[in-house]
Amino acid sequence: MILAAEPSMPVTAPGAAHGQDSGILAALTGLGGHLVLRADRLEIERQGMFFSLLNLGFHVEREIGSTFYLSELAGVHLVRSFALVQFLRFTYAGCPTPTGHYLRDAFAENAFMLSFRDNRPLLAFMRRIDDAVAALPSRTLGARA
């Protein structure tokens, strides 16, 4: 897992090989693939052996890539389980509702898993998302009015 703490740090992110890495504020790489925070949006690219095996074994339908615009985000939640991996769930208008089935919720289009052990980077990433949302022009204009 990688958390890029500063925008100037080099990160491995989806699209970086194609010259699309400008504007990356932070990035995480983990069990859920890649999670990239940009100034106006979040991008998830799901890939890897873990995801493929679970998808085949449990027939968990999932999106390969998801993009969420920060201006449309209503919340970011850390979903915890005693025995299973923790994940971030992004809430926005029209997002999938939680089903109560842990694996289906963890593999939903609006979720990202990091690791089985240390999920402190998820908490740090949540703070980075909060900072990016607070920096949006629409949020700062509303605060001044």
C-alpha atoms as a PDB file:
ATOM      1  CA  MET A   1       0.000   0.000   0.000  1.00  0.00           C
ATOM      2  CA  ILE A   2       1.167   3.452  -0.880  1.00  0.00           C
ATOM      3  CA  LEU A   3      -0.130   6.773   0.398  1.00  0.00           C
ATOM      4  CA  ALA A   4       1.337   9.740  -1.371  1.00  0.00           C
ATOM      5  CA  ALA A   5       1.446  12.349   1.373  1.00  0.00           C
ATOM      6  CA  GLU A   6       2.429  15.264  -0.834  1.00  0.00           C
ATOM      7  CA  PRO A   7       1.296  16.133  -4.355  1.00  0.00           C
ATOM      8  CA  SER A   8       4.923  16.409  -5.466  1.00  0.00           C
ATOM      9  CA  MET A   9       5.673  12.795  -4.527  1.00  0.00           C
ATOM     10  CA  PRO A  10       5.760  10.358  -7.450  1.00  0.00           C
ATOM     11  CA  VAL A  11       2.838   7.949  -7.345  1.00  0.00           C
ATOM     12  CA  THR A  12       1.865   4.938  -9.345  1.00  0.00           C
ATOM     13  CA  ALA A  13      -1.679   5.559 -10.424  1.00  0.00           C
ATOM     14  CA  PRO A  14      -4.110   4.496 -13.119  1.00  0.00           C
ATOM     15  CA  GLY A  15      -3.382   6.415 -16.278  1.00  0.00           C
ATOM     16  CA  ALA A  16       0.084   7.501 -15.107  1.00  0.00           C
ATOM     17  CA  ALA A  17       1.692   5.475 -17.873  1.00  0.00           C
ATOM     18  CA  HIS A  18      -0.379   7.434 -20.392  1.00  0.00           C
ATOM     19  CA  GLY A  19       0.644  10.862 -19.109  1.00  0.00           C
ATOM     20  CA  GLN A  20      -2.604  11.466 -17.231  1.00  0.00           C
ATOM     21  CA  ASP A  21      -1.078  11.861 -13.758  1.00  0.00           C
ATOM     22  CA  SER A  22      -1.339  15.662 -13.532  1.00  0.00           C
ATOM     23  CA  GLY A  23      -3.416  16.927 -10.655  1.00  0.00           C
ATOM     24  CA  ILE A  24      -3.011  13.902  -8.385  1.00  0.00           C
ATOM     25  CA  LEU A  25      -3.275  14.953  -4.735  1.00  0.00           C
ATOM     26  CA  ALA A  26      -2.934  11.473  -3.209  1.00  0.00           C
ATOM     27  CA  ALA A  27      -3.043   7.814  -4.222  1.00  0.00           C
ATOM     28  CA  LEU A  28      -3.482   4.451  -2.519  1.00  0.00           C
ATOM     29  CA  THR A  29      -2.678   1.009  -3.835  1.00  0.00           C
ATOM     30  CA  GLY A  30      -4.075  -2.029  -2.056  1.00  0.00           C
ATOM     31  CA  LEU A  31      -6.326  -5.080  -2.308  1.00  0.00           C
ATOM     32  CA  GLY A  32      -8.995  -3.013  -4.006  1.00  0.00           C
ATOM     33  CA  GLY A  33      -6.703  -1.807  -6.792  1.00  0.00           C
ATOM     34  CA  HIS A  34      -5.843   1.882  -7.065  1.00  0.00           C
ATOM     35  CA  LEU A  35      -7.604   4.843  -5.452  1.00  0.00           C
ATOM     36  CA  VAL A  36      -6.583   8.247  -6.795  1.00  0.00           C
ATOM     37  CA  LEU A  37      -7.623  11.633  -5.395  1.00  0.00           C
ATOM     38  CA  ARG A  38      -7.573  14.562  -7.789  1.00  0.00           C
ATOM     39  CA  ALA A  39      -8.605  18.146  -7.117  1.00  0.00           C
ATOM     40  CA  ASP A  40     -12.148  17.542  -8.404  1.00  0.00           C
ATOM     41  CA  ARG A  41     -12.712  13.764  -8.283  1.00  0.00           C
ATOM     42  CA  LEU A  42     -11.844  10.320  -6.940  1.00  0.00           C
ATOM     43  CA  GLU A  43     -10.966   7.471  -9.283  1.00  0.00           C
ATOM     44  CA  ILE A  44     -10.955   3.750  -8.456  1.00  0.00           C
ATOM     45  CA  GLU A  45      -9.378   1.209 -10.768  1.00  0.00           C
ATOM     46  CA  ARG A  46     -10.008  -2.330  -9.530  1.00  0.00           C
ATOM     47  CA  GLN A  47      -7.457  -4.934 -10.497  1.00  0.00           C
ATOM     48  CA  GLY A  48      -5.269  -7.650  -9.041  1.00  0.00           C
ATOM     49  CA  MET A  49      -5.276 -11.332  -8.214  1.00  0.00           C
ATOM     50  CA  PHE A  50      -7.216 -10.950  -4.939  1.00  0.00           C
ATOM     51  CA  PHE A  51     -10.099  -9.147  -6.601  1.00  0.00           C
ATOM     52  CA  SER A  52     -10.210 -11.602  -9.498  1.00  0.00           C
ATOM     53  CA  LEU A  53     -10.213 -14.677  -7.256  1.00  0.00           C
ATOM     54  CA  LEU A  54     -12.955 -13.363  -4.980  1.00  0.00           C
ATOM     55  CA  ASN A  55     -15.009 -12.283  -7.943  1.00  0.00           C
ATOM     56  CA  LEU A  56     -14.754 -15.751  -9.505  1.00  0.00           C
ATOM     57  CA  GLY A  57     -15.310 -17.607  -6.232  1.00  0.00           C
ATOM     58  CA  PHE A  58     -18.257 -15.615  -4.917  1.00  0.00           C
ATOM     59  CA  HIS A  59     -19.669 -14.218  -8.184  1.00  0.00           C
ATOM     60  CA  VAL A  60     -19.441 -10.702  -6.798  1.00  0.00           C
ATOM     61  CA  GLU A  61     -20.341  -8.364  -9.627  1.00  0.00           C
ATOM     62  CA  ARG A  62     -18.300  -5.197  -9.649  1.00  0.00           C
ATOM     63  CA  GLU A  63     -17.252  -2.285 -11.781  1.00  0.00           C
ATOM     64  CA  ILE A  64     -13.668  -2.245 -13.041  1.00  0.00           C
ATOM     65  CA  GLY A  65     -13.392   1.515 -12.727  1.00  0.00           C
ATOM     66  CA  SER A  66     -15.390   4.195 -10.934  1.00  0.00           C
ATOM     67  CA  THR A  67     -15.150   7.978 -10.828  1.00  0.00           C
ATOM     68  CA  PHE A  68     -16.801  10.139  -8.157  1.00  0.00           C
ATOM     69  CA  TYR A  69     -16.845  13.913  -8.411  1.00  0.00           C
ATOM     70  CA  LEU A  70     -16.056  15.541  -5.069  1.00  0.00           C
ATOM     71  CA  SER A  71     -18.802  18.119  -5.548  1.00  0.00           C
ATOM     72  CA  GLU A  72     -21.353  15.259  -5.575  1.00  0.00           C
ATOM     73  CA  LEU A  73     -19.992  13.333  -2.575  1.00  0.00           C
ATOM     74  CA  ALA A  74     -22.289  13.301   0.445  1.00  0.00           C
ATOM     75  CA  GLY A  75     -20.011  11.237   2.677  1.00  0.00           C
ATOM     76  CA  VAL A  76     -17.052   8.906   3.033  1.00  0.00           C
ATOM     77  CA  HIS A  77     -17.451   6.069   5.526  1.00  0.00           C
ATOM     78  CA  LEU A  78     -14.976   3.558   6.925  1.00  0.00           C
ATOM     79  CA  VAL A  79     -16.856   0.251   7.174  1.00  0.00           C
ATOM     80  CA  ARG A  80     -15.324  -2.004   9.811  1.00  0.00           C
ATOM     81  CA  SER A  81     -15.687  -5.691  10.495  1.00  0.00           C
ATOM     82  CA  PHE A  82     -14.166  -7.794  13.244  1.00  0.00           C
ATOM     83  CA  ALA A  83     -12.993 -10.609  10.975  1.00  0.00           C
ATOM     84  CA  LEU A  84     -12.980  -9.149   7.459  1.00  0.00           C
ATOM     85  CA  VAL A  85     -11.116  -6.393   5.676  1.00  0.00           C
ATOM     86  CA  GLN A  86     -12.218  -2.811   6.261  1.00  0.00           C
ATOM     87  CA  PHE A  87     -13.211  -0.653   3.309  1.00  0.00           C
ATOM     88  CA  LEU A  88     -14.139   2.893   2.370  1.00  0.00           C
ATOM     89  CA  ARG A  89     -17.676   3.495   1.105  1.00  0.00           C
ATOM     90  CA  PHE A  90     -18.409   6.661  -0.846  1.00  0.00           C
ATOM     91  CA  THR A  91     -21.954   8.039  -0.610  1.00  0.00           C
ATOM     92  CA  TYR A  92     -23.484  10.198  -3.323  1.00  0.00           C
ATOM     93  CA  ALA A  93     -26.918  10.643  -4.917  1.00  0.00           C
ATOM     94  CA  GLY A  94     -27.806   7.450  -6.758  1.00  0.00           C
ATOM     95  CA  CYS A  95     -25.082   5.302  -5.204  1.00  0.00           C
ATOM     96  CA  PRO A  96     -25.791   1.632  -4.468  1.00  0.00           C
ATOM     97  CA  THR A  97     -27.457   1.182  -1.096  1.00  0.00           C
ATOM     98  CA  PRO A  98     -25.749  -1.158   1.387  1.00  0.00           C
ATOM     99  CA  THR A  99     -27.163  -4.676   1.050  1.00  0.00           C
ATOM    100  CA  GLY A 100     -26.068  -6.022   4.429  1.00  0.00           C
ATOM    101  CA  HIS A 101     -24.013  -8.691   2.615  1.00  0.00           C
ATOM    102  CA  TYR A 102     -20.464  -7.768   3.571  1.00  0.00           C
ATOM    103  CA  LEU A 103     -18.671  -8.999   0.431  1.00  0.00           C
ATOM    104  CA  ARG A 104     -21.212  -7.473  -1.951  1.00  0.00           C
ATOM    105  CA  ASP A 105     -20.944  -4.151  -0.138  1.00  0.00           C
ATOM    106  CA  ALA A 106     -17.124  -4.303  -0.102  1.00  0.00           C
ATOM    107  CA  PHE A 107     -17.075  -4.947  -3.859  1.00  0.00           C
ATOM    108  CA  ALA A 108     -19.718  -2.354  -4.772  1.00  0.00           C
ATOM    109  CA  GLU A 109     -18.894   0.350  -7.289  1.00  0.00           C
ATOM    110  CA  ASN A 110     -18.673   2.902  -4.463  1.00  0.00           C
ATOM    111  CA  ALA A 111     -16.270   0.937  -2.201  1.00  0.00           C
ATOM    112  CA  PHE A 112     -12.487   0.512  -1.914  1.00  0.00           C
ATOM    113  CA  MET A 113     -10.568  -2.115   0.133  1.00  0.00           C
ATOM    114  CA  LEU A 114      -6.972  -1.571   1.205  1.00  0.00           C
ATOM    115  CA  SER A 115      -5.548  -4.464   3.234  1.00  0.00           C
ATOM    116  CA  PHE A 116      -6.219  -7.101   5.862  1.00  0.00           C
ATOM    117  CA  ARG A 117      -3.850  -5.634   8.446  1.00  0.00           C
ATOM    118  CA  ASP A 118      -3.167  -1.939   8.700  1.00  0.00           C
ATOM    119  CA  ASN A 119      -5.869   0.432   7.489  1.00  0.00           C
ATOM    120  CA  ARG A 120      -4.440   3.642   8.947  1.00  0.00           C
ATOM    121  CA  PRO A 121      -3.739   4.878   5.410  1.00  0.00           C
ATOM    122  CA  LEU A 122      -7.504   4.721   4.773  1.00  0.00           C
ATOM    123  CA  LEU A 123      -8.063   7.151   7.644  1.00  0.00           C
ATOM    124  CA  ALA A 124      -5.340   9.452   6.318  1.00  0.00           C
ATOM    125  CA  PHE A 125      -6.894   9.262   2.857  1.00  0.00           C
ATOM    126  CA  MET A 126     -10.288  10.198   4.310  1.00  0.00           C
ATOM    127  CA  ARG A 127      -8.697  13.344   5.769  1.00  0.00           C
ATOM    128  CA  ARG A 128      -7.187  14.153   2.359  1.00  0.00           C
ATOM    129  CA  ILE A 129     -10.641  13.788   0.781  1.00  0.00           C
ATOM    130  CA  ASP A 130     -12.130  16.113   3.411  1.00  0.00           C
ATOM    131  CA  ASP A 131      -9.431  18.686   2.661  1.00  0.00           C
ATOM    132  CA  ALA A 132     -10.039  18.411  -1.112  1.00  0.00           C
ATOM    133  CA  VAL A 133     -13.815  18.802  -0.678  1.00  0.00           C
ATOM    134  CA  ALA A 134     -13.298  21.822   1.575  1.00  0.00           C
ATOM    135  CA  ALA A 135     -11.054  23.395  -1.090  1.00  0.00           C
ATOM    136  CA  LEU A 136     -13.687  23.141  -3.843  1.00  0.00           C
ATOM    137  CA  PRO A 137     -14.750  26.583  -5.135  1.00  0.00           C
ATOM    138  CA  SER A 138     -18.432  25.892  -4.524  1.00  0.00           C
ATOM    139  CA  ARG A 139     -17.713  24.978  -0.881  1.00  0.00           C
ATOM    140  CA  THR A 140     -15.615  28.082  -0.189  1.00  0.00           C
ATOM    141  CA  LEU A 141     -18.122  30.413  -1.889  1.00  0.00           C
ATOM    142  CA  GLY A 142     -20.944  28.999   0.201  1.00  0.00           C
ATOM    143  CA  ALA A 143     -18.924  29.437   3.393  1.00  0.00           C
ATOM    144  CA  ARG A 144     -18.309  33.137   2.681  1.00  0.00           C
ATOM    145  CA  ALA A 145     -21.908  34.008   1.876  1.00  0.00           C
END
